[in-house]
Protein backbone atom coordinates (compact mmCIF):
# COMPACT_ATOMS: atom_id res chain seq x y z
CA MET A 1 -36.76 165.24 -35.79
CA ALA A 2 -40.07 163.56 -36.44
CA ARG A 3 -40.80 160.20 -34.82
CA SER A 4 -42.88 157.68 -36.63
CA ILE A 5 -45.50 155.96 -34.58
CA THR A 6 -45.84 152.24 -35.12
CA LEU A 7 -48.92 150.51 -33.96
CA ASP A 8 -48.66 147.12 -32.28
CA SER A 9 -50.53 144.75 -34.44
CA TYR A 10 -51.65 142.86 -31.30
CA ALA A 11 -52.96 145.94 -29.50
CA CYS A 12 -56.24 145.43 -27.67
CA ILE A 13 -58.73 146.97 -30.04
CA ASP A 14 -62.49 146.65 -30.44
CA GLU A 15 -62.30 144.34 -33.40
CA VAL A 16 -59.92 141.37 -33.75
CA PRO A 17 -58.98 139.94 -37.13
CA LEU A 18 -60.55 136.54 -37.77
CA HIS A 19 -57.22 134.78 -38.44
CA ARG A 20 -56.12 135.62 -34.90
CA VAL A 21 -59.43 134.28 -33.47
CA ARG A 22 -58.94 131.10 -35.51
CA GLY A 23 -55.37 130.81 -34.18
CA ASN A 24 -56.71 130.81 -30.58
CA GLN A 25 -59.40 128.30 -31.46
CA LEU A 26 -56.97 126.04 -33.20
CA GLY A 27 -54.61 126.17 -30.11
CA ILE A 28 -57.47 125.15 -27.87
CA PHE A 29 -58.44 122.34 -30.28
CA LEU A 30 -54.88 120.98 -30.53
CA SER A 31 -54.67 121.02 -26.73
CA ILE A 32 -57.88 119.00 -26.50
CA VAL A 33 -56.64 116.47 -29.04
CA ALA A 34 -53.33 116.09 -27.14
CA THR A 35 -55.29 115.66 -23.87
CA VAL A 36 -57.53 112.95 -25.34
CA ILE A 37 -54.67 111.11 -27.02
CA THR A 38 -52.42 111.09 -23.96
CA GLN A 39 -55.26 110.80 -21.38
CA GLN A 40 -53.40 113.38 -19.30
CA PHE A 41 -55.98 115.95 -18.17
CA TRP A 42 -53.36 118.05 -16.41
CA SER A 43 -52.27 119.18 -19.89
CA LEU A 44 -55.49 121.28 -19.97
CA ALA A 45 -53.69 123.63 -17.59
CA LEU A 46 -51.82 125.05 -20.58
CA PRO A 47 -54.84 126.25 -22.58
CA LEU A 48 -56.56 127.36 -19.30
CA LEU A 49 -53.48 129.46 -18.41
CA VAL A 50 -53.27 130.85 -21.93
CA GLN A 51 -56.98 131.86 -21.82
CA LEU A 52 -56.69 133.42 -18.36
CA ILE A 53 -53.69 135.45 -19.31
CA SER A 54 -55.30 136.52 -22.62
CA ARG A 55 -58.50 137.51 -20.87
CA THR A 56 -56.66 139.49 -18.24
CA TYR A 57 -53.93 141.18 -20.27
CA GLY A 58 -55.27 141.03 -23.87
CA ILE A 59 -54.53 139.04 -26.99
CA ARG A 60 -51.03 140.44 -27.12
CA TYR A 61 -50.07 137.80 -24.54
CA ASN A 62 -51.99 134.89 -26.09
CA VAL A 63 -49.43 132.22 -26.99
CA PHE A 64 -51.83 130.48 -29.31
CA ILE A 65 -52.46 133.59 -31.30
CA ARG A 66 -48.81 134.44 -31.48
CA ALA A 67 -47.79 130.94 -32.61
CA LEU A 68 -50.68 129.84 -34.81
CA SER A 69 -52.24 132.89 -36.45
CA PRO A 70 -49.20 133.58 -38.66
CA LEU A 71 -49.72 130.09 -40.13
CA LEU A 72 -53.33 130.92 -41.14
CA PRO A 73 -54.30 133.07 -44.11
CA SER A 74 -54.70 136.68 -43.16
CA SER A 75 -58.22 137.91 -42.93
CA THR A 76 -59.85 141.34 -43.20
CA ARG A 77 -62.97 140.00 -41.46
CA THR A 78 -63.08 140.74 -37.71
CA GLU A 79 -64.90 139.64 -34.59
CA SER A 80 -66.03 141.85 -31.78
CA ARG A 81 -63.78 141.98 -28.74
CA GLU A 82 -66.89 141.79 -26.53
CA LEU A 83 -67.90 138.49 -28.12
CA LEU A 84 -64.32 137.16 -27.80
CA ARG A 85 -64.30 137.94 -24.11
CA PHE A 86 -67.59 136.01 -23.64
CA ASN A 87 -66.28 133.09 -25.68
CA SER A 88 -63.04 133.17 -23.70
CA LEU A 89 -65.06 133.04 -20.48
CA LEU A 90 -66.88 129.93 -21.75
CA ALA A 91 -63.61 128.24 -22.71
CA ILE A 92 -62.19 129.06 -19.24
CA LEU A 93 -65.30 127.59 -17.62
CA PHE A 94 -65.19 124.36 -19.68
CA LEU A 95 -61.41 123.94 -19.22
CA ALA A 96 -61.62 124.56 -15.44
CA VAL A 97 -64.50 122.15 -15.00
CA ALA A 98 -62.69 119.43 -17.01
CA LEU A 99 -59.45 119.96 -15.11
CA ILE A 100 -61.05 120.00 -11.65
CA ALA A 101 -63.42 117.11 -12.39
CA SER A 102 -60.45 115.00 -13.56
CA ALA A 103 -58.42 115.91 -10.46
CA LEU A 104 -61.43 114.82 -8.27
CA GLY A 105 -61.78 111.57 -10.19
CA ALA A 106 -65.04 112.53 -11.91
CA GLN A 107 -63.91 111.39 -15.36
CA VAL A 108 -67.48 111.46 -16.84
CA LEU A 109 -67.93 115.11 -15.94
CA ALA A 110 -64.43 115.91 -17.26
CA TYR A 111 -65.21 114.27 -20.59
CA ILE A 112 -68.62 115.93 -20.82
CA SER A 113 -67.08 119.36 -20.23
CA LEU A 114 -64.29 118.61 -22.73
CA GLY A 115 -66.85 117.34 -25.21
CA MET A 116 -68.87 120.55 -24.93
CA LEU A 117 -65.72 122.68 -25.42
CA THR A 118 -64.67 120.54 -28.37
CA ALA A 119 -68.08 120.94 -30.01
CA ALA A 120 -67.97 124.71 -29.58
CA VAL A 121 -64.38 124.93 -30.95
CA VAL A 122 -65.08 122.65 -33.93
CA LEU A 123 -68.23 124.65 -34.75
CA ALA A 124 -66.28 127.92 -34.45
CA LEU A 125 -63.53 126.65 -36.70
CA SER A 126 -66.21 125.57 -39.20
CA GLY A 127 -67.73 129.09 -39.18
CA PHE A 128 -70.56 128.96 -36.64
CA CYS A 129 -69.90 130.70 -33.39
CA LEU A 130 -71.90 128.88 -30.73
CA GLY A 131 -70.65 131.30 -28.03
CA CYS A 132 -71.83 134.24 -30.16
CA PHE A 133 -75.25 132.64 -30.47
CA MET A 134 -75.41 132.10 -26.75
CA TYR A 135 -74.30 135.67 -26.08
CA PHE A 136 -77.02 136.98 -28.43
CA GLN A 137 -79.61 134.89 -26.63
CA TRP A 138 -78.34 136.15 -23.23
CA LYS A 139 -78.61 139.82 -24.44
CA GLN A 140 -82.12 139.09 -25.79
CA PHE A 141 -83.15 137.56 -22.46
CA HIS A 142 -81.95 140.64 -20.57
CA ALA A 143 -83.66 143.01 -23.01
CA ARG A 144 -87.03 141.18 -22.69
CA ARG A 145 -86.71 141.08 -18.95
CA GLY A 146 -86.04 144.80 -18.93
CA LEU A 147 -89.11 145.47 -21.05
CA ARG A 148 -91.35 143.45 -18.70
CA ARG A 149 -90.21 145.53 -15.68
CA ASN A 150 -91.23 148.73 -17.40
C-alpha cells in the first residue's frame, strides 16, 4: 500500500511566501495600534512572545501568520528565511526595549522604540523592507572589513 506524503504548508523552508510575511507584519502592526490606543504597554508582551516562539520554533507556530495570512491574497513571491530571521530579531529588540522601558517608567524611550518599530512595519507593509536594507548594509560592512584585512 503506497502512502502519500503531504507537505506541511508551514514547514520551515528557505523561502517564505510573501502573504505569510505580511500576515506577521500585520499582526505586529495591529498590536502596536492596540497598545497606543489603550496605553497599555504590557500588551506588547503578546507580539514579543509570538516573535520569540516563531524565531525559536519556526513560522509554523506563529499565531499572526496562522490567523492573518489566510485573510491576505496568496502570493507566489517569497522572502528569504535569512532576512526574515534578521527582521524578527529587530522586532524582538524593539518590542523588548519598549516593554522594558515602559515597565521602568521611561515612557519616552518606550515610545521611541515603538515608533521605530511602527515605521519599519509600515514601510514593510508598503513594500520597502527596512530590515532587509539594514541587513544588506551589515553584510556589505563585513565584506569590506574582510577585504581590508587581506
